[in-house]
């Protein structure tokens, strides 16, 4: 039996093999950046959104406040009021179906530098600032995906002793999820049109090759009304009409 010889297709050594790269996101970085953007919306003047942010420094808590209140100040480049964010009690779930998920306590420590904090006009400032911060963080849930899992107020405390600087902290219970994705190297960006909904005239800045608009398909060709369920009212109506025929008179012999 004669068989055709199969030609082996050899790969071109010059042909580039595109291999996707794994890209992972850090949930703590995402949550910190989300909280930072939310805190920056708290302004010095509540009635003026264009005023300066209330807090001049927003950092990860690495013990700055403890070094400041020492006999010898080791921190010199921190502007107040300031906020330090600390993730504590981080724990991961061990269920098989929840690998990569975890829970943590996010402590937002805000430090005020009000020297006349015992005056009747200023002694309640910490409660007002706490409320403004919590409202800003809760409102950020609508636009910050990192806070969508859970970011619920859990605890608020204030110091009983202070030395010019008053440190307060707010604890939030946060849920996080580690995620990863794949992206291709050397990818090329392309702009597509879907006529008749979008055409080249809709984005002339991206029409580098001067393409003309597509005349087909039209709206009438691709859109219309089609009943999803057959209408049985007509049959029922006919049966109803038959049932209402004029009855014949009974004649008695």
Protein backbone atom coordinates (compact mmCIF):
# COMPACT_ATOMS: atom_id res chain seq x y z
CA UNK A 1 0.00 0.00 0.00
CA UNK A 2 1.40 3.33 -1.06
CA UNK A 3 0.98 6.15 1.38
CA UNK A 4 1.54 9.79 0.75
CA UNK A 5 4.57 11.19 2.42
CA UNK A 6 3.64 13.74 5.01
CA UNK A 7 5.70 16.86 5.05
CA UNK A 8 6.86 17.87 8.46
CA UNK A 9 6.07 21.47 9.09
CA UNK A 10 9.12 22.93 10.72
CA UNK A 11 8.71 26.00 12.81
CA UNK A 12 10.45 29.09 11.66
CA UNK A 13 13.17 29.82 14.19
CA UNK A 14 12.59 33.52 13.62
CA UNK A 15 8.93 33.25 14.57
CA UNK A 16 8.39 34.74 17.99
CA UNK A 17 6.33 32.75 20.44
CA UNK A 18 4.20 35.04 22.55
CA UNK A 19 3.91 33.75 26.08
CA UNK A 20 1.57 35.52 28.51
CA UNK A 21 3.02 36.92 31.71
CA UNK A 22 1.35 36.46 35.06
CA UNK A 23 0.40 39.71 36.75
CA UNK A 24 -0.61 39.59 40.42
CA UNK A 25 -2.11 42.38 42.47
CA UNK A 26 -1.36 42.98 46.12
CA UNK A 27 -4.60 43.49 48.08
CA UNK A 28 -2.90 45.46 50.86
CA UNK A 29 -1.37 47.92 48.40
CA UNK A 30 -4.75 48.32 46.71
CA UNK A 31 -6.54 48.90 50.02
CA UNK A 32 -3.92 51.38 51.21
CA UNK A 33 -4.07 53.38 47.99
CA UNK A 34 -7.87 53.34 48.11
CA UNK A 35 -7.90 54.60 51.70
CA UNK A 36 -5.34 57.25 50.83
CA UNK A 37 -7.47 58.57 47.98
CA UNK A 38 -10.51 58.60 50.26
CA UNK A 39 -8.70 60.51 53.01
CA UNK A 40 -7.51 63.14 50.54
CA UNK A 41 -11.16 64.05 49.89
CA UNK A 42 -11.44 65.37 53.47
CA UNK A 43 -10.80 69.09 53.11
CA UNK A 44 -9.91 71.81 55.57
CA UNK A 45 -13.11 73.64 54.69
CA UNK A 46 -16.07 71.31 54.30
CA UNK A 47 -17.97 73.93 52.32
CA UNK A 48 -15.14 74.47 49.83
CA UNK A 49 -14.14 71.33 47.86
CA UNK A 50 -11.18 73.19 46.33
CA UNK A 51 -9.57 73.86 49.71
CA UNK A 52 -6.43 72.03 50.80
CA UNK A 53 -6.65 68.49 52.23
CA UNK A 54 -7.02 68.40 55.99
CA UNK A 55 -4.27 65.80 56.48
CA UNK A 56 -0.82 66.81 55.28
CA UNK A 57 0.84 63.39 55.64
CA UNK A 58 -0.58 59.94 54.88
CA UNK A 59 1.85 57.04 55.41
CA UNK A 60 2.12 53.39 56.31
CA UNK A 61 2.50 53.13 60.08
CA UNK A 62 6.08 52.12 60.83
CA UNK A 63 6.23 53.55 64.34
CA UNK A 64 6.55 57.23 63.41
CA UNK A 65 4.40 58.45 66.29
CA UNK A 66 6.28 56.38 68.88
CA UNK A 67 9.57 57.85 67.68
CA UNK A 68 8.16 61.38 67.79
CA UNK A 69 6.99 61.24 71.42
CA UNK A 70 10.34 59.98 72.66
CA UNK A 71 12.61 62.27 74.63
CA UNK A 72 14.67 62.67 71.47
CA UNK A 73 12.54 63.18 68.37
CA UNK A 74 13.77 60.92 65.57
CA UNK A 75 11.19 62.11 63.00
CA UNK A 76 11.64 65.55 61.52
CA UNK A 77 9.96 65.53 58.10
CA UNK A 78 6.32 64.81 58.95
CA UNK A 79 3.70 67.51 58.52
CA UNK A 80 0.65 67.45 60.76
CA UNK A 81 -2.22 66.65 60.88
CA UNK A 82 -1.10 63.20 59.78
CA UNK A 83 -2.53 59.73 59.26
CA UNK A 84 -0.73 56.41 59.61
CA UNK A 85 -2.29 53.18 58.31
CA UNK A 86 -1.46 49.82 59.86
CA UNK A 87 -2.72 46.35 58.88
CA UNK A 88 -2.86 44.05 61.87
CA UNK A 89 -4.32 40.64 62.76
CA UNK A 90 -3.96 39.47 59.15
CA UNK A 91 -5.27 35.95 58.69
CA UNK A 92 -5.92 33.81 55.63
CA UNK A 93 -8.84 31.44 55.19
CA UNK A 94 -7.93 27.77 54.99
CA UNK A 95 -11.01 26.43 53.19
CA UNK A 96 -10.20 24.77 49.89
CA UNK A 97 -12.71 26.89 47.98
CA UNK A 98 -11.43 30.15 49.50
CA UNK A 99 -7.72 29.98 48.78
CA UNK A 100 -6.29 33.48 48.51
CA UNK A 101 -8.96 35.10 50.67
CA UNK A 102 -8.32 36.60 54.06
CA UNK A 103 -9.40 38.95 56.81
CA UNK A 104 -7.55 41.74 58.57
CA UNK A 105 -7.94 44.76 60.82
CA UNK A 106 -7.01 48.05 59.21
CA UNK A 107 -6.07 50.64 61.79
CA UNK A 108 -6.25 54.26 60.66
CA UNK A 109 -4.42 56.37 63.21
CA UNK A 110 -4.96 60.11 62.77
CA UNK A 111 -2.90 62.63 64.72
CA UNK A 112 -4.00 66.18 65.32
CA UNK A 113 -1.74 69.03 66.40
CA UNK A 114 -4.30 71.28 68.04
CA UNK A 115 -2.49 73.04 70.89
CA UNK A 116 -5.68 74.41 72.45
CA UNK A 117 -7.39 71.01 72.50
CA UNK A 118 -8.86 71.66 75.95
CA UNK A 119 -10.78 74.76 74.89
CA UNK A 120 -14.54 74.36 74.80
CA UNK A 121 -14.56 75.26 71.11
CA UNK A 122 -11.97 72.64 70.13
CA UNK A 123 -12.26 69.77 72.59
CA UNK A 124 -14.78 67.95 70.38
CA UNK A 125 -12.69 68.22 67.20
CA UNK A 126 -11.57 64.55 67.37
CA UNK A 127 -15.17 63.33 67.15
CA UNK A 128 -15.90 65.61 64.20
CA UNK A 129 -12.74 64.51 62.38
CA UNK A 130 -13.55 60.86 63.12
CA UNK A 131 -17.01 61.27 61.61
CA UNK A 132 -15.68 63.02 58.50
CA UNK A 133 -13.05 60.32 57.99
CA UNK A 134 -15.53 57.49 58.37
CA UNK A 135 -17.98 59.10 55.93
CA UNK A 136 -15.20 59.57 53.36
CA UNK A 137 -14.10 55.93 53.68
CA UNK A 138 -17.66 54.59 53.47
CA UNK A 139 -18.41 56.75 50.42
CA UNK A 140 -15.27 55.42 48.72
CA UNK A 141 -16.78 51.92 48.56
CA UNK A 142 -18.79 52.96 45.51
CA UNK A 143 -15.68 53.78 43.47
CA UNK A 144 -12.88 51.72 45.05
CA UNK A 145 -12.94 48.00 44.13
CA UNK A 146 -10.41 47.21 46.87
CA UNK A 147 -13.00 48.12 49.52
CA UNK A 148 -15.91 46.24 47.96
CA UNK A 149 -15.31 42.99 49.84
CA UNK A 150 -15.81 44.50 53.28
CA UNK A 151 -14.65 47.60 55.10
CA UNK A 152 -16.79 48.00 58.20
CA UNK A 153 -16.22 50.30 61.14
CA UNK A 154 -15.29 48.27 64.20
CA UNK A 155 -13.60 50.44 66.84
CA UNK A 156 -12.68 54.02 67.71
CA UNK A 157 -10.48 55.18 70.58
CA UNK A 158 -8.77 58.33 71.78
CA UNK A 159 -5.83 58.93 74.11
CA UNK A 160 -6.17 59.80 77.76
CA UNK A 161 -2.80 61.58 77.86
CA UNK A 162 -1.09 63.59 75.15
CA UNK A 163 1.83 65.95 74.68
CA UNK A 164 0.73 68.51 72.09
CA UNK A 165 0.06 65.72 69.59
CA UNK A 166 -3.22 63.84 70.00
CA UNK A 167 -3.27 60.38 68.43
CA UNK A 168 -6.60 58.69 67.73
CA UNK A 169 -7.26 55.49 65.84
CA UNK A 170 -10.11 53.90 63.95
CA UNK A 171 -10.25 50.16 63.33
CA UNK A 172 -11.96 48.64 60.30
CA UNK A 173 -12.65 45.00 59.58
CA UNK A 174 -11.52 44.43 56.01
CA UNK A 175 -11.80 41.41 53.75
CA UNK A 176 -9.33 40.96 50.93
CA UNK A 177 -8.82 38.62 48.02
CA UNK A 178 -5.62 37.92 46.13
CA UNK A 179 -6.10 37.95 42.37
CA UNK A 180 -3.93 37.40 39.35
CA UNK A 181 -4.33 37.82 35.61
CA UNK A 182 -2.45 37.22 32.40
CA UNK A 183 -1.26 39.74 29.88
CA UNK A 184 0.54 39.30 26.59
CA UNK A 185 3.82 40.95 25.81
CA UNK A 186 4.27 43.10 22.72
CA UNK A 187 0.53 43.49 22.31
CA UNK A 188 -0.76 46.01 19.81
CA UNK A 189 -3.61 48.37 20.61
CA UNK A 190 -6.44 48.42 18.10
CA UNK A 191 -9.57 50.53 17.87
CA UNK A 192 -12.64 48.74 16.53
CA UNK A 193 -15.92 50.07 15.19
CA UNK A 194 -19.26 48.28 15.38
CA UNK A 195 -21.54 49.79 12.77
CA UNK A 196 -24.13 51.18 12.85
CA UNK A 197 -23.67 51.91 16.57
CA UNK A 198 -20.12 53.19 16.21
CA UNK A 199 -18.33 54.34 13.11
CA UNK A 200 -15.06 56.00 12.11
CA UNK A 201 -16.49 59.51 12.39
CA UNK A 202 -17.17 58.92 16.08
CA UNK A 203 -13.44 58.90 16.87
CA UNK A 204 -11.61 60.83 14.12
CA UNK A 205 -8.49 61.11 16.28
CA UNK A 206 -8.03 57.33 16.00
CA UNK A 207 -8.81 57.09 12.27
CA UNK A 208 -5.18 57.18 11.17
CA UNK A 209 -5.79 55.48 7.81
CA UNK A 210 -8.73 57.74 6.89
CA UNK A 211 -11.29 54.95 6.66
CA UNK A 212 -14.75 55.91 5.42
CA UNK A 213 -17.88 55.09 7.35
CA UNK A 214 -19.52 51.71 6.86
CA UNK A 215 -22.95 52.07 5.25
CA UNK A 216 -24.08 48.60 6.21
CA UNK A 217 -25.52 47.11 8.26
CA UNK A 218 -28.20 49.67 9.07
CA UNK A 219 -30.35 49.93 12.14
CA UNK A 220 -33.32 48.39 10.33
CA UNK A 221 -31.24 45.38 9.33
CA UNK A 222 -30.05 44.52 12.80
CA UNK A 223 -32.81 45.74 15.08
CA UNK A 224 -36.48 45.01 15.41
CA UNK A 225 -39.16 43.60 17.65
CA UNK A 226 -39.68 39.85 17.87
CA UNK A 227 -42.10 38.24 20.34
CA UNK A 228 -40.26 36.02 22.75
CA UNK A 229 -43.33 33.82 23.37
CA UNK A 230 -46.01 32.90 20.88
CA UNK A 231 -49.26 34.71 21.47
CA UNK A 232 -52.07 32.25 22.14
CA UNK A 233 -54.72 34.88 22.76
CA UNK A 234 -56.01 34.54 19.23
CA UNK A 235 -56.86 30.86 19.62
CA UNK A 236 -58.46 31.45 22.97
CA UNK A 237 -60.52 34.23 21.48
CA UNK A 238 -61.79 32.02 18.70
CA UNK A 239 -62.75 29.33 21.19
CA UNK A 240 -64.51 31.90 23.25
CA UNK A 241 -66.44 33.16 20.26
CA UNK A 242 -67.54 29.61 19.42
CA UNK A 243 -68.79 29.09 22.92
CA UNK A 244 -70.98 32.18 22.73
CA UNK A 245 -72.95 31.09 19.65
CA UNK A 246 -76.64 31.80 19.81
CA UNK A 247 -78.30 28.72 21.36
CA UNK A 248 -81.06 27.01 19.44
CA UNK A 249 -84.54 27.18 20.81
CA UNK A 250 -85.82 23.92 22.28
CA UNK A 251 -89.10 22.93 20.74
CA UNK A 252 -91.45 20.69 22.51
CA UNK A 253 -93.64 18.36 20.59
